[in-house]
Protein backbone atom coordinates (compact mmCIF):
# COMPACT_ATOMS: atom_id res chain seq x y z
CA MET A 1 0.00 0.00 0.00
CA GLN A 2 2.90 2.36 0.73
CA ILE A 3 4.50 1.72 -2.66
CA TRP A 4 1.15 2.21 -4.39
CA GLU A 5 0.46 5.45 -2.51
CA LYS A 6 3.86 6.88 -3.40
CA ARG A 7 3.37 6.12 -7.08
CA ALA A 8 -0.19 7.44 -7.03
CA ARG A 9 0.99 10.73 -5.53
CA ASP A 10 3.73 11.00 -8.16
CA GLU A 11 1.60 10.03 -11.16
CA VAL A 12 -2.07 10.88 -10.38
CA SER A 13 -2.45 14.64 -9.99
CA ALA A 14 -5.77 14.44 -8.10
CA SER A 15 -4.18 12.38 -5.31
CA ILE A 16 -1.93 15.26 -4.20
CA HIS A 17 -4.79 16.90 -2.30
CA GLN A 18 -5.83 13.75 -0.36
CA ASP A 19 -4.38 12.55 2.94
CA SER A 20 -3.15 8.99 3.30
CA LEU A 21 -6.31 7.49 4.82
CA VAL A 22 -8.58 9.08 2.23
CA LEU A 23 -6.31 8.05 -0.62
CA GLN A 24 -6.11 4.40 0.43
CA ASN A 25 -9.73 4.16 1.68
CA SER A 26 -11.00 0.78 0.38
CA LEU A 27 -7.59 -0.53 -0.74
CA PRO A 28 -6.95 -2.77 2.34
CA LEU A 29 -10.40 -4.33 1.89
CA TYR A 30 -9.73 -4.97 -1.79
CA LEU A 31 -6.30 -6.53 -1.15
CA GLY A 32 -7.83 -8.73 1.55
CA GLN A 33 -10.40 -10.04 -0.91
CA LEU A 34 -7.72 -10.59 -3.56
CA SER A 35 -5.52 -12.54 -1.15
CA ASP A 36 -8.49 -14.81 -0.34
CA GLU A 37 -8.96 -15.49 -4.06
CA LEU A 38 -5.28 -16.44 -4.36
CA SER A 39 -5.27 -18.59 -1.21
CA THR A 40 -4.76 -22.35 -1.58
CA THR A 41 -5.80 -23.09 2.02
CA ILE A 42 -9.29 -21.57 2.05
CA HIS A 43 -12.04 -24.05 1.14
CA ARG A 44 -14.05 -22.09 -1.44
CA THR A 45 -17.53 -23.60 -1.41
CA PRO A 46 -20.15 -22.29 -3.89
CA GLY A 47 -21.71 -20.31 -1.01
CA ARG A 48 -18.34 -18.81 -0.05
CA ILE A 49 -17.61 -17.87 -3.68
CA ALA A 50 -20.98 -16.15 -4.06
CA SER A 51 -20.58 -14.32 -0.76
CA ASP A 52 -17.05 -13.18 -1.67
CA GLU A 53 -18.23 -11.90 -5.04
CA VAL A 54 -20.96 -9.80 -3.42
CA GLU A 55 -18.46 -8.32 -0.97
CA SER A 56 -15.85 -7.73 -3.71
CA THR A 57 -18.40 -5.87 -5.82
CA ARG A 58 -19.36 -3.74 -2.84
CA ILE A 59 -15.72 -2.82 -2.16
CA ARG A 60 -14.99 -2.01 -5.81
CA LYS A 61 -18.08 0.19 -6.07
CA LEU A 62 -17.17 1.88 -2.79
CA HIS A 63 -13.88 3.01 -4.34
CA GLY A 64 -15.63 4.47 -7.38
CA HIS A 65 -18.25 6.17 -5.18
CA GLU A 66 -15.63 7.82 -2.98
CA ARG A 67 -13.53 9.04 -5.91
CA ALA A 68 -16.58 10.63 -7.55
CA GLY A 69 -17.01 12.75 -4.43
CA TYR A 70 -13.64 14.45 -4.95
CA ALA A 71 -13.80 17.35 -7.38
CA ASP A 72 -10.27 16.74 -8.69
CA TYR A 73 -10.79 13.13 -9.80
CA SER A 74 -11.68 12.17 -13.36
CA MET A 75 -12.62 8.76 -14.75
CA SER A 76 -9.21 8.39 -16.42
CA GLN A 77 -7.43 9.06 -13.11
CA LEU A 78 -9.59 6.47 -11.34
CA ILE A 79 -8.68 3.86 -13.96
CA PHE A 80 -5.00 4.87 -13.86
CA GLU A 81 -4.95 4.16 -10.10
CA TYR A 82 -5.86 0.55 -10.83
CA HIS A 83 -3.21 0.25 -13.54
CA ILE A 84 -0.63 1.38 -10.97
CA LEU A 85 -2.04 -1.08 -8.43
CA ARG A 86 -1.69 -4.00 -10.86
CA GLN A 87 1.95 -3.10 -11.56
CA VAL A 88 2.73 -2.73 -7.84
CA ILE A 89 1.08 -6.05 -6.93
CA PHE A 90 3.16 -7.91 -9.52
CA GLN A 91 6.30 -6.04 -8.46
CA VAL A 92 5.91 -6.85 -4.75
CA ILE A 93 4.82 -10.48 -5.08
CA GLU A 94 7.41 -11.42 -7.68
CA GLU A 95 10.25 -10.14 -5.51
CA GLU A 96 9.90 -13.49 -3.71
CA ALA A 97 9.04 -15.83 -6.58
CA PRO A 98 7.54 -15.70 -10.09
CA LEU A 99 3.77 -15.96 -10.17
CA GLU A 100 2.07 -19.01 -11.59
CA VAL A 101 -0.04 -18.49 -14.70
CA TRP A 102 -3.28 -19.13 -12.77
CA GLU A 103 -2.23 -16.60 -10.14
CA ARG A 104 -1.54 -13.91 -12.75
CA ASP A 105 -4.91 -14.67 -14.37
CA ILE A 106 -6.71 -14.20 -11.03
CA ILE A 107 -4.97 -10.87 -10.35
CA ILE A 108 -5.52 -9.52 -13.85
CA GLY A 109 -9.16 -10.64 -13.85
CA SER A 110 -9.72 -9.11 -10.43
CA ILE A 111 -8.18 -5.79 -11.45
CA GLU A 112 -10.20 -5.66 -14.67
CA GLN A 113 -13.44 -6.33 -12.80
CA ALA A 114 -12.48 -3.77 -10.18
CA VAL A 115 -11.95 -1.14 -12.89
CA ASN A 116 -15.33 -1.93 -14.45
CA ASP A 117 -17.25 -1.81 -11.17
CA ALA A 118 -15.47 1.28 -9.84
CA ALA A 119 -15.85 3.17 -13.14
CA THR A 120 -19.55 2.28 -13.37
CA GLN A 121 -20.17 3.47 -9.82
CA PHE A 122 -18.04 6.59 -10.41
CA SER A 123 -20.27 7.54 -13.37
CA GLN A 124 -23.47 6.78 -11.47
CA THR A 125 -22.41 8.77 -8.40
CA LEU A 126 -21.30 11.69 -10.56
CA ARG A 127 -24.68 11.67 -12.32
CA ASP A 128 -26.46 11.60 -8.95
CA ILE A 129 -24.40 14.54 -7.68
CA GLN A 130 -25.06 16.55 -10.83
CA GLU A 131 -28.75 15.66 -10.71
CA LEU A 132 -29.09 16.77 -7.10
CA PHE A 133 -27.24 19.99 -7.84
CA MET A 134 -29.44 20.75 -10.85
CA VAL A 135 -32.72 20.02 -9.06
CA THR A 136 -31.69 22.04 -6.00
CA LEU A 137 -30.47 24.96 -8.09
CA THR A 138 -33.55 25.14 -10.30
CA HIS A 139 -35.90 24.78 -7.35
CA ASP A 140 -34.17 27.57 -5.42
CA LEU A 141 -34.20 29.86 -8.46
CA LYS A 142 -37.96 29.70 -8.88
CA ASN A 143 -38.86 31.78 -5.79
CA PRO A 144 -36.76 34.88 -6.60
CA ILE A 145 -37.88 34.73 -10.25
CA ASN A 146 -41.53 34.67 -9.18
CA VAL A 147 -40.90 37.66 -6.91
CA VAL A 148 -39.37 39.61 -9.82
CA LYS A 149 -42.20 38.62 -12.14
CA MET A 150 -44.99 39.55 -9.70
CA GLY A 151 -43.29 42.84 -8.81
CA THR A 152 -42.89 43.76 -12.46
CA GLN A 153 -46.53 42.93 -13.19
CA LEU A 154 -47.58 45.16 -10.30
CA MET A 155 -45.43 47.99 -11.65
CA LEU A 156 -46.88 47.51 -15.13
CA ARG A 157 -50.43 47.87 -13.84
CA ARG A 158 -49.56 51.13 -12.11
CA LEU A 159 -47.87 52.73 -15.11
CA GLU A 160 -50.00 55.11 -17.09
CA ARG A 161 -50.67 54.51 -20.77
CA GLY A 162 -47.97 56.13 -22.87
CA ASP A 163 -45.34 55.90 -20.14
CA ALA A 164 -41.95 55.08 -21.66
CA HIS A 165 -41.34 52.47 -18.94
CA ILE A 166 -44.26 50.26 -20.06
CA ASP A 167 -42.17 48.69 -22.83
CA VAL A 168 -39.30 48.04 -20.41
CA ALA A 169 -41.62 46.41 -17.86
CA ALA A 170 -43.23 44.25 -20.57
CA ARG A 171 -39.80 43.08 -21.75
CA MET A 172 -38.85 42.23 -18.16
CA ILE A 173 -41.97 40.08 -17.78
CA THR A 174 -41.20 38.29 -21.06
CA ALA A 175 -37.62 37.69 -19.91
CA THR A 176 -38.73 36.24 -16.54
CA GLU A 177 -41.26 33.99 -18.29
CA ARG A 178 -38.51 32.71 -20.60
CA LEU A 179 -36.20 32.13 -17.63
CA ASP A 180 -38.98 30.30 -15.80
CA ALA A 181 -39.55 28.10 -18.86
CA MET A 182 -35.83 27.29 -19.06
CA ILE A 183 -35.83 26.27 -15.39
CA GLN A 184 -38.87 24.07 -15.98
CA ASP A 185 -36.99 22.44 -18.88
CA LEU A 186 -34.12 21.62 -16.53
CA LEU A 187 -36.46 20.14 -13.93
CA ASP A 188 -38.29 18.02 -16.53
CA ALA A 189 -35.01 16.87 -18.07
CA SER A 190 -33.83 15.81 -14.61
CA ARG A 191 -36.99 13.78 -14.09
CA VAL A 192 -36.67 12.05 -17.46
CA ARG A 193 -33.00 11.30 -16.86
CA ALA A 194 -33.83 9.85 -13.44
CA GLY A 195 -36.33 7.51 -15.10
CA GLU A 196 -39.40 9.33 -13.81
CA PRO A 197 -42.30 9.77 -16.24
CA LEU A 198 -43.34 13.27 -17.24
CA LYS A 199 -46.60 14.29 -15.58
CA LEU A 200 -49.28 14.29 -18.26
CA GLU A 201 -52.91 15.21 -17.66
CA LEU A 202 -54.64 13.58 -20.61
CA GLU A 203 -57.97 14.92 -21.81
CA ALA A 204 -60.07 15.10 -24.96
CA CYS A 205 -58.15 17.24 -27.45
CA ASP A 206 -59.22 19.11 -30.54
CA LEU A 207 -55.78 19.10 -32.14
CA ASP A 208 -56.90 21.13 -35.15
CA GLY A 209 -58.18 23.88 -32.86
CA LEU A 210 -55.06 23.68 -30.68
CA VAL A 211 -52.70 24.00 -33.65
CA GLN A 212 -54.74 26.92 -35.01
CA GLU A 213 -54.40 28.74 -31.66
CA ILE A 214 -50.64 28.12 -31.63
CA VAL A 215 -50.29 29.40 -35.21
CA GLU A 216 -52.19 32.57 -34.30
CA ASP A 217 -49.90 33.16 -31.31
CA LEU A 218 -46.79 32.50 -33.40
CA THR A 219 -48.02 34.82 -36.14
CA PHE A 220 -48.53 37.58 -33.59
CA THR A 221 -44.93 37.12 -32.40
CA TYR A 222 -43.06 36.35 -35.64
CA GLY A 223 -45.28 37.70 -38.39
CA GLU A 224 -47.15 36.13 -41.30
CA ARG A 225 -44.81 33.20 -41.89
CA PHE A 226 -46.91 30.27 -40.73
CA VAL A 227 -49.11 28.18 -43.02
CA LEU A 228 -51.51 25.58 -41.57
CA VAL A 229 -52.68 22.65 -43.70
CA SER A 230 -55.23 20.51 -41.86
CA ASP A 231 -57.63 17.64 -42.46
CA GLY A 232 -60.17 19.57 -40.40
CA GLU A 233 -61.45 18.25 -37.10
CA VAL A 234 -58.80 16.02 -35.49
CA LYS A 235 -59.81 14.53 -32.15
CA SER A 236 -57.55 12.68 -29.72
CA HIS A 237 -56.62 12.32 -26.05
CA CYS A 238 -53.54 14.27 -25.08
CA SER A 239 -52.07 16.86 -22.74
CA PRO A 240 -52.81 20.13 -24.56
CA LYS A 241 -50.27 22.00 -22.44
CA GLN A 242 -47.44 19.60 -23.28
CA ILE A 243 -48.35 19.21 -26.97
CA ARG A 244 -48.40 23.01 -27.23
CA ARG A 245 -44.94 23.01 -25.67
CA VAL A 246 -43.66 20.59 -28.32
CA ILE A 247 -45.16 22.49 -31.28
CA GLU A 248 -43.98 25.88 -30.01
CA ASN A 249 -40.47 24.54 -29.52
CA LEU A 250 -40.29 23.09 -33.03
CA ALA A 251 -41.83 26.22 -34.58
CA THR A 252 -39.46 28.52 -32.69
CA ASN A 253 -36.51 26.44 -33.88
CA ALA A 254 -37.80 26.75 -37.45
CA VAL A 255 -37.80 30.54 -37.04
CA LYS A 256 -34.31 30.58 -35.51
CA TYR A 257 -32.53 28.20 -37.85
CA GLY A 258 -34.61 28.19 -41.05
CA ALA A 259 -34.23 30.54 -44.00
CA ALA A 260 -35.48 34.03 -43.08
CA ASP A 261 -38.76 35.31 -44.53
CA THR A 262 -39.76 31.91 -45.94
CA PRO A 263 -42.96 30.01 -45.06
CA ILE A 264 -43.06 27.57 -42.15
CA THR A 265 -45.72 24.95 -42.87
CA LEU A 266 -47.61 22.91 -40.28
CA THR A 267 -49.42 19.93 -41.83
CA LEU A 268 -51.96 18.05 -39.67
CA LEU A 269 -53.23 14.74 -41.08
CA GLN A 270 -55.02 11.73 -39.65
CA SER A 271 -55.84 8.11 -40.41
CA GLU A 272 -58.09 5.71 -38.51
CA THR A 273 -55.43 5.08 -35.87
CA GLN A 274 -52.71 7.73 -36.28
CA ILE A 275 -52.31 11.49 -36.23
CA SER A 276 -49.40 13.12 -38.04
CA LEU A 277 -48.17 16.69 -37.56
CA THR A 278 -45.25 17.86 -39.71
CA LEU A 279 -43.44 21.18 -39.28
CA HIS A 280 -41.41 22.11 -42.34
CA ASN A 281 -39.05 25.00 -42.95
CA LYS A 282 -36.71 25.91 -45.77
CA GLY A 283 -33.01 26.60 -45.39
CA ASN A 284 -29.72 24.80 -44.91
CA PRO A 285 -30.15 21.09 -44.10
CA ILE A 286 -29.08 19.51 -40.83
CA ALA A 287 -26.04 17.30 -41.44
CA LEU A 288 -26.58 13.56 -41.00
CA ASP A 289 -24.06 13.26 -38.16
CA GLU A 290 -25.79 16.12 -36.35
CA GLN A 291 -29.22 14.55 -36.86
CA SER A 292 -28.02 11.56 -34.84
CA ILE A 293 -27.44 13.73 -31.73
CA LEU A 294 -30.23 16.22 -32.27
CA PHE A 295 -32.56 14.77 -29.60
CA GLN A 296 -29.89 14.26 -26.94
CA GLN A 297 -29.95 16.53 -23.91
CA PHE A 298 -27.44 19.40 -23.77
CA ARG A 299 -26.44 18.70 -27.41
CA ARG A 300 -26.86 21.38 -30.04
CA THR A 301 -25.98 21.57 -33.73
CA LEU A 302 -22.88 23.45 -34.79
CA ASP A 303 -24.75 26.30 -36.51
CA VAL A 304 -26.64 27.61 -33.46
CA GLY A 305 -24.49 30.74 -33.46
CA GLU A 306 -25.43 33.09 -30.64
CA GLN A 307 -28.83 31.49 -29.99
CA SER A 308 -29.49 31.01 -26.27
CA GLY A 309 -30.88 27.97 -24.46
CA TRP A 310 -29.87 24.81 -22.64
CA GLY A 311 -29.97 22.48 -25.62
CA LEU A 312 -32.90 20.68 -23.95
CA GLY A 313 -35.80 21.69 -26.19
CA LEU A 314 -35.69 18.80 -28.67
CA PHE A 315 -34.78 16.29 -25.96
CA LEU A 316 -37.89 17.28 -23.99
CA ALA A 317 -40.05 17.49 -27.12
CA LYS A 318 -39.16 13.89 -27.97
CA SER A 319 -39.73 12.82 -24.35
CA ILE A 320 -43.18 14.44 -24.31
CA VAL A 321 -44.19 12.84 -27.61
CA GLU A 322 -42.96 9.43 -26.43
CA ALA A 323 -44.93 9.89 -23.19
CA HIS A 324 -47.99 10.07 -25.49
CA GLN A 325 -46.85 6.74 -27.06
CA GLY A 326 -45.83 8.66 -30.17
CA THR A 327 -42.65 9.33 -32.15
CA LEU A 328 -40.71 12.42 -33.19
CA GLU A 329 -38.35 12.22 -36.16
CA VAL A 330 -36.44 14.61 -38.39
CA GLU A 331 -35.90 14.63 -42.16
CA SER A 332 -33.48 17.14 -43.65
CA ALA A 333 -31.80 17.30 -47.05
CA GLU A 334 -30.28 19.82 -49.44
CA GLY A 335 -32.97 21.57 -51.48
CA LYS A 336 -35.79 20.02 -49.44
CA GLY A 337 -35.47 21.90 -46.17
CA THR A 338 -36.10 20.37 -42.74
CA SER A 339 -39.19 18.55 -41.46
CA PHE A 340 -39.95 17.45 -37.91
CA ILE A 341 -42.61 14.75 -37.95
CA ILE A 342 -44.79 13.98 -34.93
CA GLN A 343 -46.77 10.73 -35.00
CA LEU A 344 -49.40 10.22 -32.28
CA PRO A 345 -51.93 7.44 -31.70
CA LYS A 346 -55.52 8.63 -31.77
CA LEU A 347 -56.27 6.85 -28.51
CA PRO A 348 -53.09 6.52 -26.37
CA ARG A 349 -53.11 3.77 -23.76
């Protein structure tokens, strides 16, 4: 352990800031388990083997969990610690006599499994820490934002018509609403990532009427760019609030990244069992390699420029559609523009 610690301090930069006990933590437990595996005097019954494997897994995961709690440690440094350990074990044991082939196989196999278990737990613990941080941060941000929003609304009501500050107050309200929506995106993304379902309140939906309302709102904001093509009355069961969220996100992206001053077409069609809504815009196509990451969280295409956001919009849009037992896909090619295609069942389970 002393030889390993010296090498770790010399070769693993993150170890410099840890004291001896913290640095070695689960190492004595691991070496004890390894020595039992190499022992020729211990009677290893099936029950003993199973029990040892459970304990070995616990120890290996403990190492990964502890390392994830130190800000300086990276996955590569965790793995490098085990490479050093393997070299030190061979060095120390073979000072007395060469290892048998079966002994080397046990040590190498044990180290490899230790790396796998520790790295897996390191990643899981790091995700849990990040998740907790994100949820706590977004939750704590909501109260001061609501205070700013309510205060601004109160000021707006008290301003007289024609006052130059009305426009400023209105912009402040819009900014706080956007910030609140971004925080909600983070919270929802955290829930999806944690395996929790999005909360959907399904009800009878007139999708044609809903899409018409959204187009009117978008037209008011962005001008006469939106064209609606519809089969007419399209009935389903859905969460109008969440479907609106999906359509507005896709339409806003079409405005941001599509060719300026060109039509953005929303086509609503239905069959006996399926409903299809396609949003199409003209402009430069999305590259194939970028299409493959488009719906991942915190991933954005290379041509976003100065556009703001978390990179969560499409990830959440896809999650919402899938929560309705539907699909969301993209088609984009040179000369054909970009289409986002939503497919929904008429009667979700």
